[in-house]
Amino acid sequence: RIEMCNFGVKVSVIEPGYFKTMITNAENVEKSLLSIWEKLLEETKASYGENYLKECLVALRKMQKKCNSNLTLVTDCMEHALTSRFPRTRYSVGWDAKLLYIPLSYLPSALTDFI
């Protein structure tokens, strides 16, 4: 962003939270995760344990339920960044980005890891 300023280009960073898209589609992510798991060496699978895979799949399904389906929140920020005379430097989109991810980014790593 700062490097582009020298060329007269304004860059806005859009930081969305967790939204329902094809990237976050539980079925796609689950297939990808299982495909990767199947390709692992038996030694690696044993190190992680079968329980690890099960916990990942459960967490994935829980996160899917918390995804925001209102993508207009993101596209509205994009539109504002592109059409505004004075666009913001950063756009945090979604409650999780504003109330969780952004505040966590300011905390010390040890505290963030604990949370």
N, C-alpha and C. Protein backbone atom coordinates (compact mmCIF):
# COMPACT_ATOMS: atom_id res chain seq x y z
N ARG A 1 0.83 -1.18 0.00
CA ARG A 1 0.00 0.00 0.00
C ARG A 1 0.87 1.24 0.00
N ILE A 2 1.86 1.28 0.87
CA ILE A 2 2.73 2.45 0.98
C ILE A 2 3.60 2.59 -0.27
N GLU A 3 4.08 1.47 -0.80
CA GLU A 3 4.91 1.51 -2.01
C GLU A 3 4.13 2.07 -3.19
N MET A 4 2.85 1.75 -3.30
CA MET A 4 2.05 2.21 -4.43
C MET A 4 1.72 3.69 -4.34
N CYS A 5 1.77 4.24 -3.15
CA CYS A 5 1.49 5.67 -2.94
C CYS A 5 2.42 6.54 -3.79
N ASN A 6 3.66 6.12 -3.94
CA ASN A 6 4.63 6.87 -4.75
C ASN A 6 4.21 6.99 -6.21
N PHE A 7 3.33 6.11 -6.67
CA PHE A 7 2.86 6.12 -8.05
C PHE A 7 1.47 6.74 -8.17
N GLY A 8 0.98 7.34 -7.08
CA GLY A 8 -0.33 7.96 -7.09
C GLY A 8 -1.48 6.97 -6.99
N VAL A 9 -1.19 5.75 -6.57
CA VAL A 9 -2.21 4.72 -6.45
C VAL A 9 -2.61 4.57 -4.99
N LYS A 10 -3.89 4.72 -4.74
CA LYS A 10 -4.41 4.52 -3.38
C LYS A 10 -4.84 3.07 -3.23
N VAL A 11 -4.43 2.43 -2.16
CA VAL A 11 -4.78 1.04 -1.91
C VAL A 11 -5.58 0.96 -0.62
N SER A 12 -6.70 0.29 -0.68
CA SER A 12 -7.51 0.04 0.51
C SER A 12 -7.46 -1.46 0.80
N VAL A 13 -7.31 -1.79 2.06
CA VAL A 13 -7.26 -3.18 2.47
C VAL A 13 -8.64 -3.57 2.99
N ILE A 14 -9.23 -4.59 2.40
CA ILE A 14 -10.54 -5.07 2.84
C ILE A 14 -10.30 -6.37 3.58
N GLU A 15 -10.66 -6.37 4.86
CA GLU A 15 -10.41 -7.52 5.74
C GLU A 15 -11.73 -8.14 6.17
N PRO A 16 -12.23 -9.06 5.37
CA PRO A 16 -13.51 -9.68 5.72
C PRO A 16 -13.33 -10.75 6.79
N GLY A 17 -14.38 -10.94 7.55
CA GLY A 17 -14.41 -12.04 8.50
C GLY A 17 -14.74 -13.32 7.76
N TYR A 18 -15.49 -14.19 8.38
CA TYR A 18 -15.81 -15.49 7.81
C TYR A 18 -17.17 -15.43 7.12
N PHE A 19 -17.16 -15.49 5.80
CA PHE A 19 -18.38 -15.41 5.00
C PHE A 19 -18.60 -16.70 4.24
N LYS A 20 -19.86 -16.99 3.93
CA LYS A 20 -20.19 -18.19 3.15
C LYS A 20 -19.86 -17.94 1.69
N THR A 21 -18.84 -18.64 1.22
CA THR A 21 -18.44 -18.58 -0.19
C THR A 21 -18.03 -20.00 -0.59
N MET A 22 -17.65 -20.17 -1.82
CA MET A 22 -17.18 -21.49 -2.25
C MET A 22 -15.86 -21.85 -1.57
N ILE A 23 -15.10 -20.85 -1.17
CA ILE A 23 -13.84 -21.11 -0.47
C ILE A 23 -14.10 -21.69 0.92
N THR A 24 -15.15 -21.20 1.57
CA THR A 24 -15.46 -21.66 2.93
C THR A 24 -16.53 -22.75 2.94
N ASN A 25 -16.96 -23.20 1.79
CA ASN A 25 -17.97 -24.25 1.69
C ASN A 25 -17.48 -25.49 2.43
N ALA A 26 -18.23 -25.91 3.44
CA ALA A 26 -17.81 -27.03 4.30
C ALA A 26 -17.55 -28.30 3.50
N GLU A 27 -18.39 -28.58 2.53
CA GLU A 27 -18.23 -29.80 1.74
C GLU A 27 -16.90 -29.78 0.97
N ASN A 28 -16.60 -28.64 0.34
CA ASN A 28 -15.34 -28.52 -0.42
C ASN A 28 -14.12 -28.62 0.50
N VAL A 29 -14.18 -27.92 1.62
CA VAL A 29 -13.06 -27.92 2.55
C VAL A 29 -12.87 -29.32 3.14
N GLU A 30 -13.98 -29.97 3.47
CA GLU A 30 -13.92 -31.31 4.03
C GLU A 30 -13.30 -32.30 3.03
N LYS A 31 -13.72 -32.23 1.77
CA LYS A 31 -13.15 -33.10 0.74
C LYS A 31 -11.65 -32.86 0.61
N SER A 32 -11.26 -31.60 0.62
CA SER A 32 -9.84 -31.25 0.50
C SER A 32 -9.04 -31.78 1.69
N LEU A 33 -9.59 -31.59 2.88
CA LEU A 33 -8.92 -32.05 4.09
C LEU A 33 -8.77 -33.57 4.09
N LEU A 34 -9.83 -34.28 3.73
CA LEU A 34 -9.78 -35.75 3.67
C LEU A 34 -8.81 -36.23 2.59
N SER A 35 -8.76 -35.53 1.48
CA SER A 35 -7.85 -35.88 0.41
C SER A 35 -6.39 -35.74 0.87
N ILE A 36 -6.11 -34.67 1.55
CA ILE A 36 -4.76 -34.45 2.08
C ILE A 36 -4.43 -35.51 3.12
N TRP A 37 -5.39 -35.80 3.98
CA TRP A 37 -5.18 -36.80 5.04
C TRP A 37 -4.84 -38.17 4.43
N GLU A 38 -5.55 -38.54 3.37
CA GLU A 38 -5.32 -39.83 2.72
C GLU A 38 -3.92 -39.94 2.10
N LYS A 39 -3.36 -38.82 1.71
CA LYS A 39 -2.04 -38.81 1.08
C LYS A 39 -0.89 -38.81 2.09
N LEU A 40 -1.21 -38.59 3.36
CA LEU A 40 -0.17 -38.55 4.38
C LEU A 40 0.42 -39.94 4.62
N LEU A 41 1.67 -39.95 5.04
CA LEU A 41 2.30 -41.20 5.44
C LEU A 41 1.61 -41.72 6.70
N GLU A 42 1.58 -43.02 6.85
CA GLU A 42 0.95 -43.61 8.04
C GLU A 42 1.62 -43.10 9.32
N GLU A 43 2.90 -42.88 9.26
CA GLU A 43 3.64 -42.35 10.42
C GLU A 43 3.13 -40.97 10.81
N THR A 44 2.87 -40.14 9.83
CA THR A 44 2.35 -38.79 10.09
C THR A 44 0.93 -38.87 10.65
N LYS A 45 0.11 -39.74 10.06
CA LYS A 45 -1.26 -39.91 10.56
C LYS A 45 -1.23 -40.36 12.01
N ALA A 46 -0.32 -41.28 12.33
CA ALA A 46 -0.21 -41.78 13.70
C ALA A 46 0.23 -40.68 14.66
N SER A 47 1.11 -39.79 14.19
CA SER A 47 1.57 -38.68 15.03
C SER A 47 0.42 -37.75 15.42
N TYR A 48 -0.42 -37.45 14.43
CA TYR A 48 -1.55 -36.57 14.69
C TYR A 48 -2.68 -37.32 15.38
N GLY A 49 -2.90 -38.53 14.97
CA GLY A 49 -3.99 -39.33 15.52
C GLY A 49 -5.28 -39.13 14.77
N GLU A 50 -6.08 -40.17 14.74
CA GLU A 50 -7.38 -40.14 14.06
C GLU A 50 -8.31 -39.12 14.72
N ASN A 51 -8.14 -38.93 16.02
CA ASN A 51 -8.97 -37.97 16.76
C ASN A 51 -8.76 -36.55 16.24
N TYR A 52 -7.53 -36.23 15.84
CA TYR A 52 -7.21 -34.90 15.31
C TYR A 52 -8.07 -34.60 14.08
N LEU A 53 -8.14 -35.56 13.18
CA LEU A 53 -8.95 -35.39 11.98
C LEU A 53 -10.42 -35.19 12.33
N LYS A 54 -10.93 -36.00 13.24
CA LYS A 54 -12.33 -35.88 13.65
C LYS A 54 -12.61 -34.52 14.26
N GLU A 55 -11.71 -34.03 15.12
CA GLU A 55 -11.89 -32.71 15.75
C GLU A 55 -11.86 -31.59 14.72
N CYS A 56 -10.99 -31.72 13.73
CA CYS A 56 -10.93 -30.72 12.65
C CYS A 56 -12.24 -30.67 11.88
N LEU A 57 -12.80 -31.82 11.58
CA LEU A 57 -14.06 -31.87 10.83
C LEU A 57 -15.20 -31.29 11.65
N VAL A 58 -15.23 -31.56 12.94
CA VAL A 58 -16.27 -31.01 13.82
C VAL A 58 -16.13 -29.48 13.88
N ALA A 59 -14.91 -28.99 14.05
CA ALA A 59 -14.67 -27.55 14.11
C ALA A 59 -15.06 -26.87 12.80
N LEU A 60 -14.77 -27.53 11.70
CA LEU A 60 -15.13 -27.01 10.38
C LEU A 60 -16.64 -26.86 10.26
N ARG A 61 -17.38 -27.85 10.69
CA ARG A 61 -18.85 -27.79 10.60
C ARG A 61 -19.42 -26.70 11.51
N LYS A 62 -18.82 -26.53 12.69
CA LYS A 62 -19.27 -25.47 13.60
C LYS A 62 -19.01 -24.09 13.00
N MET A 63 -17.84 -23.92 12.40
CA MET A 63 -17.51 -22.63 11.80
C MET A 63 -18.46 -22.31 10.66
N GLN A 64 -18.84 -23.32 9.91
CA GLN A 64 -19.75 -23.12 8.77
C GLN A 64 -21.07 -22.51 9.25
N LYS A 65 -21.53 -22.93 10.41
CA LYS A 65 -22.79 -22.41 10.94
C LYS A 65 -22.67 -20.95 11.34
N LYS A 66 -21.46 -20.50 11.62
CA LYS A 66 -21.24 -19.12 12.05
C LYS A 66 -20.91 -18.18 10.90
N CYS A 67 -20.80 -18.72 9.69
CA CYS A 67 -20.48 -17.90 8.53
C CYS A 67 -21.61 -16.92 8.24
N ASN A 68 -21.21 -15.73 7.85
CA ASN A 68 -22.18 -14.72 7.45
C ASN A 68 -22.50 -14.94 5.97
N SER A 69 -23.76 -14.97 5.62
CA SER A 69 -24.14 -15.21 4.23
C SER A 69 -24.40 -13.91 3.47
N ASN A 70 -24.36 -12.78 4.16
CA ASN A 70 -24.65 -11.50 3.53
C ASN A 70 -23.38 -10.91 2.90
N LEU A 71 -23.07 -11.33 1.68
CA LEU A 71 -21.87 -10.88 0.99
C LEU A 71 -21.93 -9.42 0.57
N THR A 72 -23.10 -8.81 0.64
CA THR A 72 -23.19 -7.39 0.27
C THR A 72 -22.39 -6.52 1.25
N LEU A 73 -22.16 -7.03 2.46
CA LEU A 73 -21.32 -6.28 3.39
C LEU A 73 -19.91 -6.10 2.82
N VAL A 74 -19.42 -7.13 2.17
CA VAL A 74 -18.08 -7.08 1.57
C VAL A 74 -18.10 -6.24 0.30
N THR A 75 -19.07 -6.51 -0.57
CA THR A 75 -19.12 -5.78 -1.83
C THR A 75 -19.41 -4.29 -1.63
N ASP A 76 -20.15 -3.95 -0.59
CA ASP A 76 -20.39 -2.54 -0.29
C ASP A 76 -19.08 -1.84 0.09
N CYS A 77 -18.25 -2.53 0.84
CA CYS A 77 -16.94 -1.96 1.19
C CYS A 77 -16.07 -1.81 -0.05
N MET A 78 -16.12 -2.79 -0.92
CA MET A 78 -15.36 -2.71 -2.17
C MET A 78 -15.83 -1.52 -3.01
N GLU A 79 -17.14 -1.37 -3.10
CA GLU A 79 -17.70 -0.26 -3.87
C GLU A 79 -17.27 1.07 -3.27
N HIS A 80 -17.33 1.17 -1.95
CA HIS A 80 -16.93 2.41 -1.28
C HIS A 80 -15.45 2.71 -1.54
N ALA A 81 -14.63 1.69 -1.43
CA ALA A 81 -13.19 1.87 -1.65
C ALA A 81 -12.89 2.32 -3.08
N LEU A 82 -13.68 1.83 -4.03
CA LEU A 82 -13.43 2.17 -5.43
C LEU A 82 -14.03 3.50 -5.86
N THR A 83 -15.12 3.92 -5.24
CA THR A 83 -15.83 5.11 -5.72
C THR A 83 -15.70 6.33 -4.81
N SER A 84 -15.25 6.14 -3.60
CA SER A 84 -15.15 7.25 -2.66
C SER A 84 -14.00 8.17 -3.03
N ARG A 85 -14.20 9.44 -2.82
CA ARG A 85 -13.13 10.41 -3.06
C ARG A 85 -12.00 10.20 -2.06
N PHE A 86 -12.37 9.86 -0.84
CA PHE A 86 -11.39 9.61 0.22
C PHE A 86 -11.66 8.23 0.83
N PRO A 87 -11.24 7.17 0.13
CA PRO A 87 -11.49 5.83 0.67
C PRO A 87 -10.67 5.57 1.92
N ARG A 88 -11.20 4.71 2.77
CA ARG A 88 -10.48 4.35 3.99
C ARG A 88 -9.28 3.48 3.64
N THR A 89 -8.32 3.46 4.55
CA THR A 89 -7.16 2.62 4.37
C THR A 89 -7.54 1.17 4.61
N ARG A 90 -8.37 0.92 5.61
CA ARG A 90 -8.77 -0.44 5.96
C ARG A 90 -10.28 -0.51 6.16
N TYR A 91 -10.83 -1.61 5.69
CA TYR A 91 -12.25 -1.90 5.89
C TYR A 91 -12.33 -3.26 6.58
N SER A 92 -12.82 -3.29 7.80
CA SER A 92 -13.06 -4.55 8.50
C SER A 92 -14.52 -4.92 8.29
N VAL A 93 -14.75 -6.08 7.72
CA VAL A 93 -16.11 -6.47 7.33
C VAL A 93 -16.57 -7.68 8.13
N GLY A 94 -17.70 -7.52 8.78
CA GLY A 94 -18.28 -8.61 9.56
C GLY A 94 -17.98 -8.44 11.04
N TRP A 95 -18.88 -8.97 11.86
CA TRP A 95 -18.72 -8.81 13.31
C TRP A 95 -17.47 -9.50 13.82
N ASP A 96 -17.15 -10.66 13.24
CA ASP A 96 -15.97 -11.39 13.72
C ASP A 96 -14.68 -10.64 13.42
N ALA A 97 -14.61 -9.97 12.28
CA ALA A 97 -13.42 -9.19 11.95
C ALA A 97 -13.28 -8.00 12.88
N LYS A 98 -14.39 -7.32 13.13
CA LYS A 98 -14.36 -6.11 13.96
C LYS A 98 -14.16 -6.41 15.44
N LEU A 99 -14.81 -7.45 15.93
CA LEU A 99 -14.79 -7.72 17.36
C LEU A 99 -13.80 -8.79 17.80
N LEU A 100 -13.26 -9.56 16.86
CA LEU A 100 -12.36 -10.64 17.26
C LEU A 100 -10.99 -10.53 16.59
N TYR A 101 -10.96 -10.62 15.27
CA TYR A 101 -9.68 -10.72 14.57
C TYR A 101 -8.84 -9.44 14.67
N ILE A 102 -9.44 -8.29 14.47
CA ILE A 102 -8.69 -7.03 14.53
C ILE A 102 -8.17 -6.78 15.94
N PRO A 103 -9.02 -6.87 16.98
CA PRO A 103 -8.48 -6.68 18.33
C PRO A 103 -7.38 -7.70 18.68
N LEU A 104 -7.55 -8.95 18.25
CA LEU A 104 -6.53 -9.96 18.53
C LEU A 104 -5.20 -9.61 17.90
N SER A 105 -5.23 -8.94 16.76
CA SER A 105 -3.99 -8.61 16.07
C SER A 105 -3.14 -7.60 16.83
N TYR A 106 -3.75 -6.89 17.78
CA TYR A 106 -3.01 -5.90 18.57
C TYR A 106 -2.44 -6.48 19.86
N LEU A 107 -2.88 -7.68 20.21
CA LEU A 107 -2.42 -8.29 21.46
C LEU A 107 -1.07 -8.98 21.27
N PRO A 108 -0.33 -9.17 22.37
CA PRO A 108 0.89 -9.95 22.27
C PRO A 108 0.59 -11.38 21.79
N SER A 109 1.51 -11.96 21.06
CA SER A 109 1.29 -13.29 20.46
C SER A 109 0.94 -14.34 21.50
N ALA A 110 1.61 -14.32 22.65
CA ALA A 110 1.35 -15.31 23.68
C ALA A 110 -0.11 -15.24 24.15
N LEU A 111 -0.63 -14.03 24.30
CA LEU A 111 -2.01 -13.86 24.74
C LEU A 111 -2.97 -14.29 23.64
N THR A 112 -2.67 -13.95 22.41
CA THR A 112 -3.49 -14.35 21.26
C THR A 112 -3.54 -15.87 21.16
N ASP A 113 -2.39 -16.52 21.33
CA ASP A 113 -2.34 -17.98 21.28
C ASP A 113 -3.22 -18.60 22.37
N PHE A 114 -3.19 -18.01 23.54
CA PHE A 114 -3.98 -18.52 24.66
C PHE A 114 -5.47 -18.40 24.36
N ILE A 115 -5.87 -17.24 23.83
CA ILE A 115 -7.29 -16.99 23.51
C ILE A 115 -7.74 -17.89 22.38
